[in-house]
Amino acid sequence: MVEVMSKSSGQIVEQTTHIFDLVRYLLGDVKSIYAVANIGLTTDVPNYDVRDASVVSLVFKSGVVANITSSCIVEAGGGVRLDMGEQGFREMVLAAKEAGYRITPNMNALGLDYALPEFRRMWRHQVADREGNKLGWPGTFPGAATHAFAYMRPCARAWREHLVKKIVEFITEYDLDAAYLVS
């Protein structure tokens, strides 16, 4: 990413635009938008003047609300991770709901684990570069996803239908309030 706004359209255009495209494609037209961003958290880069972090809330005509966050302040491989397995997740959801919290887990919207049976049906929808090489996430650096996964094309109807079905099943099975899609 370019650190100077005059040479860049900023973080949302450079990094998060695909999330906006995917959410609009899946959820339809937006009725209202609220956004807030800050600048000044990154102090060690000369002439840095792009937004460090932003949150955009979209209210769709269907009534669905989506929040999209972007941040340039987290280093690659950093962040927080919690692995707890299915039963641990179920217990955490129940405890959080009993305490009055809403649960919105992060879900990768463009990745499909190569080891899952679904990949054998969806392989043709994997993103490829100009030379035809299939693209994916290696899952090799510290803090990376446990498993490597394929990048899937959100424009492929079969992938979108599969993704929406899985999201609905997940939200329904665990009685979640929403899902936060990331790419």
Protein backbone atom coordinates (compact mmCIF):
# COMPACT_ATOMS: atom_id res chain seq x y z
CA MET A 1 0.00 0.00 0.00
CA VAL A 2 1.16 3.53 -0.77
CA GLU A 3 1.48 5.62 2.41
CA VAL A 4 0.74 8.98 0.76
CA MET A 5 -2.91 9.73 -0.08
CA SER A 6 -2.04 11.81 -3.17
CA LYS A 7 -0.43 8.69 -4.73
CA SER A 8 -3.12 6.31 -3.52
CA SER A 9 -6.85 6.16 -3.09
CA GLY A 10 -6.28 4.93 0.45
CA GLN A 11 -6.78 1.73 2.31
CA ILE A 12 -10.44 1.13 1.52
CA VAL A 13 -9.85 1.33 -2.23
CA GLU A 14 -6.56 -0.59 -2.14
CA GLN A 15 -7.41 -3.33 0.38
CA THR A 16 -11.07 -3.46 1.32
CA THR A 17 -12.79 -2.80 -1.99
CA HIS A 18 -13.30 -6.54 -2.58
CA ILE A 19 -15.21 -6.87 0.70
CA PHE A 20 -17.53 -4.02 -0.33
CA ASP A 21 -18.05 -5.66 -3.72
CA LEU A 22 -18.77 -9.05 -2.16
CA VAL A 23 -21.18 -7.70 0.46
CA ARG A 24 -23.10 -5.66 -2.12
CA TYR A 25 -23.20 -8.65 -4.47
CA LEU A 26 -24.51 -10.96 -1.74
CA LEU A 27 -26.84 -8.55 0.07
CA GLY A 28 -28.04 -6.15 -2.63
CA ASP A 29 -28.59 -2.42 -2.55
CA VAL A 30 -27.57 -0.23 0.38
CA LYS A 31 -30.12 2.06 2.01
CA SER A 32 -27.75 4.05 4.25
CA ILE A 33 -24.07 4.28 5.14
CA TYR A 34 -22.17 5.57 8.15
CA ALA A 35 -18.37 5.67 8.20
CA VAL A 36 -15.67 6.84 10.54
CA ALA A 37 -11.89 6.72 10.14
CA ASN A 38 -8.86 7.98 11.96
CA ILE A 39 -5.40 9.07 10.99
CA GLY A 40 -2.24 9.49 13.03
CA LEU A 41 -1.70 6.08 14.63
CA THR A 42 1.18 5.30 12.28
CA THR A 43 3.99 7.65 13.25
CA ASP A 44 7.10 5.84 12.00
CA VAL A 45 6.51 6.28 8.23
CA PRO A 46 7.58 9.61 6.68
CA ASN A 47 4.74 11.64 5.06
CA TYR A 48 2.17 8.99 6.04
CA ASP A 49 -1.28 10.53 5.59
CA VAL A 50 -3.70 7.71 4.74
CA ARG A 51 -6.36 6.48 7.17
CA ASP A 52 -4.97 4.06 9.79
CA ALA A 53 -8.29 2.43 10.64
CA SER A 54 -11.90 2.75 9.51
CA VAL A 55 -15.33 1.29 10.20
CA VAL A 56 -18.16 1.46 7.68
CA SER A 57 -21.70 0.46 8.65
CA LEU A 58 -24.00 -0.38 5.75
CA VAL A 59 -27.76 -0.77 6.17
CA PHE A 60 -29.20 -2.70 3.23
CA LYS A 61 -32.68 -2.25 1.81
CA SER A 62 -33.44 -5.75 3.11
CA GLY A 63 -32.76 -4.53 6.68
CA VAL A 64 -29.47 -6.41 7.03
CA VAL A 65 -26.67 -4.43 8.69
CA ALA A 66 -23.03 -5.05 7.76
CA ASN A 67 -19.92 -3.54 9.34
CA ILE A 68 -16.67 -3.47 7.40
CA THR A 69 -13.45 -2.60 9.21
CA SER A 70 -10.06 -1.82 7.74
CA SER A 71 -6.75 -1.32 9.51
CA CYS A 72 -3.18 -0.60 8.46
CA ILE A 73 -1.79 -0.82 11.98
CA VAL A 74 -1.72 -4.62 12.44
CA GLU A 75 1.47 -6.28 11.21
CA ALA A 76 1.23 -9.34 8.93
CA GLY A 77 0.90 -12.48 10.99
CA GLY A 78 -0.05 -10.51 14.08
CA GLY A 79 -3.37 -10.09 15.77
CA VAL A 80 -5.29 -12.30 18.13
CA ARG A 81 -6.30 -15.89 17.56
CA LEU A 82 -8.40 -18.23 19.64
CA ASP A 83 -8.74 -21.94 18.85
CA MET A 84 -11.33 -23.79 20.90
CA GLY A 85 -12.94 -26.49 18.78
CA GLU A 86 -16.65 -27.00 18.12
CA GLN A 87 -17.76 -27.73 21.69
CA GLY A 88 -15.70 -24.87 23.09
CA PHE A 89 -17.18 -22.51 20.51
CA ARG A 90 -20.72 -23.66 21.32
CA GLU A 91 -20.13 -23.12 25.06
CA MET A 92 -18.59 -19.70 24.43
CA VAL A 93 -21.60 -18.64 22.34
CA LEU A 94 -24.06 -19.79 25.03
CA ALA A 95 -22.14 -18.06 27.83
CA ALA A 96 -21.80 -14.83 25.83
CA LYS A 97 -25.51 -14.79 24.95
CA GLU A 98 -26.45 -15.42 28.60
CA ALA A 99 -24.31 -12.40 29.51
CA GLY A 100 -26.19 -10.28 26.95
CA TYR A 101 -23.58 -10.18 24.19
CA ARG A 102 -24.20 -10.56 20.47
CA ILE A 103 -21.97 -13.00 18.61
CA THR A 104 -20.55 -12.17 15.16
CA PRO A 105 -17.60 -14.45 14.26
CA ASN A 106 -15.15 -13.66 11.46
CA MET A 107 -15.49 -15.91 8.43
CA ASN A 108 -13.19 -16.07 5.42
CA ALA A 109 -15.38 -15.30 2.41
CA LEU A 110 -12.89 -16.24 -0.29
CA GLY A 111 -11.00 -19.24 1.10
CA LEU A 112 -11.77 -22.94 0.85
CA ASP A 113 -9.57 -25.54 2.58
CA TYR A 114 -8.03 -27.88 0.01
CA ALA A 115 -8.69 -30.86 2.34
CA LEU A 116 -12.47 -30.38 2.48
CA PRO A 117 -14.69 -32.54 0.26
CA GLU A 118 -16.30 -29.35 -1.10
CA PHE A 119 -13.02 -28.40 -2.76
CA ARG A 120 -13.33 -31.39 -5.12
CA ARG A 121 -16.62 -29.90 -6.35
CA MET A 122 -15.45 -26.26 -6.40
CA TRP A 123 -11.86 -26.50 -7.71
CA ARG A 124 -12.78 -24.99 -11.09
CA HIS A 125 -13.81 -21.76 -9.31
CA GLN A 126 -10.37 -21.21 -7.76
CA VAL A 127 -8.70 -17.90 -8.63
CA ALA A 128 -5.84 -18.22 -11.14
CA ASP A 129 -3.19 -15.77 -12.28
CA ARG A 130 -2.66 -14.77 -15.94
CA GLU A 131 -0.53 -17.85 -16.55
CA GLY A 132 -3.26 -20.14 -15.22
CA ASN A 133 -1.55 -20.92 -11.89
CA LYS A 134 -4.12 -21.55 -9.17
CA LEU A 135 -3.82 -19.16 -6.21
CA GLY A 136 -4.29 -19.72 -2.51
CA TRP A 137 -3.03 -19.07 1.00
CA PRO A 138 -0.01 -21.15 2.03
CA GLY A 139 -0.66 -20.97 5.78
CA THR A 140 3.07 -21.15 6.41
CA PHE A 141 4.16 -18.11 8.43
CA PRO A 142 3.73 -17.89 12.25
CA GLY A 143 0.18 -16.88 13.12
CA ALA A 144 -1.17 -17.87 9.71
CA ALA A 145 -4.24 -20.00 9.16
CA THR A 146 -3.73 -23.56 10.37
CA HIS A 147 -4.43 -24.98 6.92
CA ALA A 148 -3.58 -23.78 3.45
CA PHE A 149 -6.62 -22.83 1.41
CA ALA A 150 -7.62 -21.95 -2.13
CA TYR A 151 -8.74 -18.44 -3.10
CA MET A 152 -12.18 -18.79 -4.65
CA ARG A 153 -13.79 -16.47 -7.23
CA PRO A 154 -16.73 -14.61 -5.62
CA CYS A 155 -18.21 -14.07 -9.10
CA ALA A 156 -18.72 -17.84 -9.56
CA ARG A 157 -22.40 -18.63 -8.94
CA ALA A 158 -21.70 -22.12 -7.55
CA TRP A 159 -19.20 -20.69 -5.03
CA ARG A 160 -21.58 -17.89 -3.93
CA GLU A 161 -24.45 -20.35 -3.47
CA HIS A 162 -22.20 -22.72 -1.51
CA LEU A 163 -20.83 -19.89 0.64
CA VAL A 164 -24.26 -18.44 1.46
CA LYS A 165 -25.60 -21.92 2.30
CA LYS A 166 -22.66 -22.60 4.65
CA ILE A 167 -22.98 -19.20 6.34
CA VAL A 168 -26.71 -19.70 6.92
CA GLU A 169 -26.11 -23.22 8.28
CA PHE A 170 -23.39 -21.93 10.62
CA ILE A 171 -25.45 -18.99 11.90
CA THR A 172 -28.49 -21.23 12.40
CA GLU A 173 -26.64 -24.11 14.08
CA TYR A 174 -24.97 -21.90 16.67
CA ASP A 175 -27.78 -19.30 16.99
CA LEU A 176 -25.43 -16.49 16.00
CA ASP A 177 -26.45 -12.89 15.43
CA ALA A 178 -24.46 -12.40 12.21
CA ALA A 179 -21.25 -13.34 10.44
CA TYR A 180 -18.37 -10.98 9.71
CA LEU A 181 -16.95 -11.78 6.24
CA VAL A 182 -13.26 -11.20 5.59
CA SER A 183 -11.11 -11.86 2.56
